[in-house]
Every structure is written in structure tokens, then in C-alpha cells.
C-alpha atoms as a PDB file:
ATOM      1  CA  MET A   1       0.000   0.000   0.000  1.00  0.00           C
ATOM      2  CA  ASN A   2       1.318   3.435  -0.944  1.00  0.00           C
ATOM      3  CA  PHE A   3       0.781   6.127   1.657  1.00  0.00           C
ATOM      4  CA  LYS A   4      -0.388   9.494   0.357  1.00  0.00           C
ATOM      5  CA  SER A   5      -0.292  12.449   2.745  1.00  0.00           C
ATOM      6  CA  PRO A   6      -3.691  14.055   3.354  1.00  0.00           C
ATOM      7  CA  VAL A   7      -2.470  17.478   2.211  1.00  0.00           C
ATOM      8  CA  TYR A   8      -2.466  16.232  -1.389  1.00  0.00           C
ATOM      9  CA  GLN A   9      -6.218  15.726  -1.194  1.00  0.00           C
ATOM     10  CA  VAL A  10      -7.501  19.040   0.181  1.00  0.00           C
ATOM     11  CA  ARG A  11     -11.219  19.494  -0.402  1.00  0.00           C
ATOM     12  CA  ALA A  12     -13.607  22.428  -0.158  1.00  0.00           C
ATOM     13  CA  VAL A  13     -16.193  21.820   2.580  1.00  0.00           C
ATOM     14  CA  GLU A  14     -19.174  23.901   3.688  1.00  0.00           C
ATOM     15  CA  ILE A  15     -18.407  25.491   7.043  1.00  0.00           C
ATOM     16  CA  GLU A  16     -21.739  24.258   8.413  1.00  0.00           C
ATOM     17  CA  ARG A  17     -20.381  20.704   8.185  1.00  0.00           C
ATOM     18  CA  LEU A  18     -17.409  21.458  10.494  1.00  0.00           C
ATOM     19  CA  ARG A  19     -17.424  21.333  14.283  1.00  0.00           C
ATOM     20  CA  ALA A  20     -14.896  21.762  17.072  1.00  0.00           C
ATOM     21  CA  ASN A  21     -13.623  18.681  18.817  1.00  0.00           C
ATOM     22  CA  PRO A  22     -14.639  18.237  22.473  1.00  0.00           C
ATOM     23  CA  TYR A  23     -11.098  17.716  23.829  1.00  0.00           C
ATOM     24  CA  ASN A  24      -9.226  20.852  22.718  1.00  0.00           C
ATOM     25  CA  PRO A  25      -9.827  24.129  24.617  1.00  0.00           C
ATOM     26  CA  ASN A  26      -8.928  26.442  21.679  1.00  0.00           C
ATOM     27  CA  HIS A  27      -8.211  29.699  23.518  1.00  0.00           C
ATOM     28  CA  THR A  28      -6.537  32.656  21.782  1.00  0.00           C
ATOM     29  CA  GLN A  29      -6.202  36.301  22.717  1.00  0.00           C
ATOM     30  CA  PRO A  30      -8.395  38.774  20.776  1.00  0.00           C
ATOM     31  CA  ARG A  31      -5.290  40.547  19.407  1.00  0.00           C
ATOM     32  CA  GLU A  32      -4.004  37.324  17.815  1.00  0.00           C
ATOM     33  CA  LEU A  33      -7.428  36.595  16.323  1.00  0.00           C
ATOM     34  CA  LYS A  34      -7.508  40.072  14.792  1.00  0.00           C
ATOM     35  CA  LEU A  35      -4.057  39.428  13.273  1.00  0.00           C
ATOM     36  CA  LEU A  36      -5.295  36.108  11.906  1.00  0.00           C
ATOM     37  CA  TYR A  37      -8.316  37.837  10.397  1.00  0.00           C
ATOM     38  CA  GLN A  38      -6.033  40.394   8.741  1.00  0.00           C
ATOM     39  CA  SER A  39      -3.830  37.624   7.357  1.00  0.00           C
ATOM     40  CA  ILE A  40      -6.793  35.718   5.910  1.00  0.00           C
ATOM     41  CA  LYS A  41      -8.273  38.934   4.547  1.00  0.00           C
ATOM     42  CA  GLU A  42      -5.029  39.851   2.778  1.00  0.00           C
ATOM     43  CA  ASP A  43      -3.681  36.433   1.736  1.00  0.00           C
ATOM     44  CA  GLY A  44      -6.712  34.141   1.835  1.00  0.00           C
ATOM     45  CA  TYR A  45      -6.643  30.718   3.443  1.00  0.00           C
ATOM     46  CA  THR A  46      -3.129  29.358   2.961  1.00  0.00           C
ATOM     47  CA  GLN A  47      -3.444  26.305   5.214  1.00  0.00           C
ATOM     48  CA  PRO A  48      -6.252  23.767   5.264  1.00  0.00           C
ATOM     49  CA  ILE A  49      -8.288  22.953   8.338  1.00  0.00           C
ATOM     50  CA  VAL A  50      -7.249  19.451   9.475  1.00  0.00           C
ATOM     51  CA  CYS A  51     -10.257  17.257  10.259  1.00  0.00           C
ATOM     52  CA  TYR A  52     -11.641  13.793  10.705  1.00  0.00           C
ATOM     53  CA  GLU A  53     -14.624  12.945   8.553  1.00  0.00           C
ATOM     54  CA  LEU A  54     -17.413  11.565  10.725  1.00  0.00           C
ATOM     55  CA  GLU A  55     -19.946   8.928   9.748  1.00  0.00           C
ATOM     56  CA  ASN A  56     -22.753  11.504   9.654  1.00  0.00           C
ATOM     57  CA  GLY A  57     -20.975  13.560   6.965  1.00  0.00           C
ATOM     58  CA  GLU A  58     -19.699  16.217   9.372  1.00  0.00           C
ATOM     59  CA  TYR A  59     -16.051  17.033   9.992  1.00  0.00           C
ATOM     60  CA  GLU A  60     -14.420  17.311  13.411  1.00  0.00           C
ATOM     61  CA  ILE A  61     -11.567  19.806  13.604  1.00  0.00           C
ATOM     62  CA  VAL A  62      -8.158  18.541  14.674  1.00  0.00           C
ATOM     63  CA  ASP A  63      -6.219  21.701  13.792  1.00  0.00           C
ATOM     64  CA  GLY A  64      -7.324  25.064  12.467  1.00  0.00           C
ATOM     65  CA  PHE A  65     -10.122  25.956  14.853  1.00  0.00           C
ATOM     66  CA  HIS A  66      -9.170  29.647  14.806  1.00  0.00           C
ATOM     67  CA  ARG A  67      -9.127  29.783  11.002  1.00  0.00           C
ATOM     68  CA  TYR A  68     -12.597  28.230  11.156  1.00  0.00           C
ATOM     69  CA  ARG A  69     -13.736  30.845  13.719  1.00  0.00           C
ATOM     70  CA  ILE A  70     -12.583  33.688  11.484  1.00  0.00           C
ATOM     71  CA  MET A  71     -15.041  32.630   8.811  1.00  0.00           C
ATOM     72  CA  LEU A  72     -17.837  32.355  11.378  1.00  0.00           C
ATOM     73  CA  ASP A  73     -17.077  35.746  12.930  1.00  0.00           C
ATOM     74  CA  TYR A  74     -16.386  37.827   9.807  1.00  0.00           C
ATOM     75  CA  PRO A  75     -19.126  37.959   7.162  1.00  0.00           C
ATOM     76  CA  ASP A  76     -16.729  39.464   4.592  1.00  0.00           C
ATOM     77  CA  ILE A  77     -14.576  36.332   4.736  1.00  0.00           C
ATOM     78  CA  TYR A  78     -17.616  34.023   4.663  1.00  0.00           C
ATOM     79  CA  GLU A  79     -18.985  35.776   1.584  1.00  0.00           C
ATOM     80  CA  ARG A  80     -15.671  35.929  -0.252  1.00  0.00           C
ATOM     81  CA  GLU A  81     -15.053  32.217   0.351  1.00  0.00           C
ATOM     82  CA  GLU A  82     -18.710  31.348  -0.343  1.00  0.00           C
ATOM     83  CA  GLY A  83     -18.921  29.557   3.012  1.00  0.00           C
ATOM     84  CA  MET A  84     -16.321  26.967   1.996  1.00  0.00           C
ATOM     85  CA  LEU A  85     -13.158  26.037   3.883  1.00  0.00           C
ATOM     86  CA  PRO A  86     -10.157  24.061   2.636  1.00  0.00           C
ATOM     87  CA  VAL A  87     -10.076  20.772   4.561  1.00  0.00           C
ATOM     88  CA  SER A  88      -7.409  18.106   4.796  1.00  0.00           C
ATOM     89  CA  VAL A  89      -8.810  14.839   6.176  1.00  0.00           C
ATOM     90  CA  ILE A  90      -6.864  12.414   8.318  1.00  0.00           C
ATOM     91  CA  ASP A  91      -8.228   8.955   8.949  1.00  0.00           C
ATOM     92  CA  LYS A  92      -7.607   7.606  12.436  1.00  0.00           C
ATOM     93  CA  PRO A  93      -9.741   5.539  14.798  1.00  0.00           C
ATOM     94  CA  LEU A  94     -11.406   7.400  17.661  1.00  0.00           C
ATOM     95  CA  ASP A  95      -8.866   6.206  20.231  1.00  0.00           C
ATOM     96  CA  LYS A  96      -6.014   7.815  18.225  1.00  0.00           C
ATOM     97  CA  ARG A  97      -7.663  11.177  17.534  1.00  0.00           C
ATOM     98  CA  MET A  98      -6.717  12.931  20.756  1.00  0.00           C
ATOM     99  CA  ALA A  99      -3.043  12.170  20.112  1.00  0.00           C
ATOM    100  CA  SER A 100      -3.346  13.644  16.615  1.00  0.00           C
ATOM    101  CA  THR A 101      -4.843  16.810  18.057  1.00  0.00           C
ATOM    102  CA  ILE A 102      -1.999  17.160  20.552  1.00  0.00           C
ATOM    103  CA  ARG A 103       0.616  16.622  17.828  1.00  0.00           C
ATOM    104  CA  HIS A 104      -0.950  19.290  15.648  1.00  0.00           C
END
């Protein structure tokens, strides 16, 4: 079997299908979020949101929660991106997901 890194298969996913994971606190200072907004506004999304695809068709975020929040909090970004986020999917069983989140 040939391994292919998930980054080579980035897909556009509707933001409504993404959700935060329950085991990562995701706290950032407002100043850093404003800088992230400015970066995304000027350069666009340059890194995908890393997720697991769930059986119900939703995606659980492993890495990139703040990039996800920017689209939720700033209508100009949502509109420009047409509500779509770049997503890179990793496939791990549930018992390995927390470790992936910590590594990211």
C-alpha cells in the first residue's frame, strides 16, 4: 500500500459541516485573532483545516479551529469564500484522535 499524505487531497467543505472537537480548549487572545483575520483577509486561506470525517458527513476539527472561527465571525470572509473552507482529512480511529490533536 502506498501512503499518500492528506495534504495532497484538500477538499472544499461547507463550514456548516465542520465542528470543534470536544477535547481541545482552543483559547486565543483577541489581538491574535484580529491578526489572523487580517492575514486571511489579505492572503486568503493558505493552510487547510485538518479534520476527521465523521460517519454523519460532518467534519471534526483537529487543527485550524481559529481559522474556522474567522469565517464564522467575519461575514466578509464568509462571503468571499462562499462559506467553503479548505479541509485536509486524516483517517484515524477514535482512540487515536486525541493524540493527533496534541501533535498538531
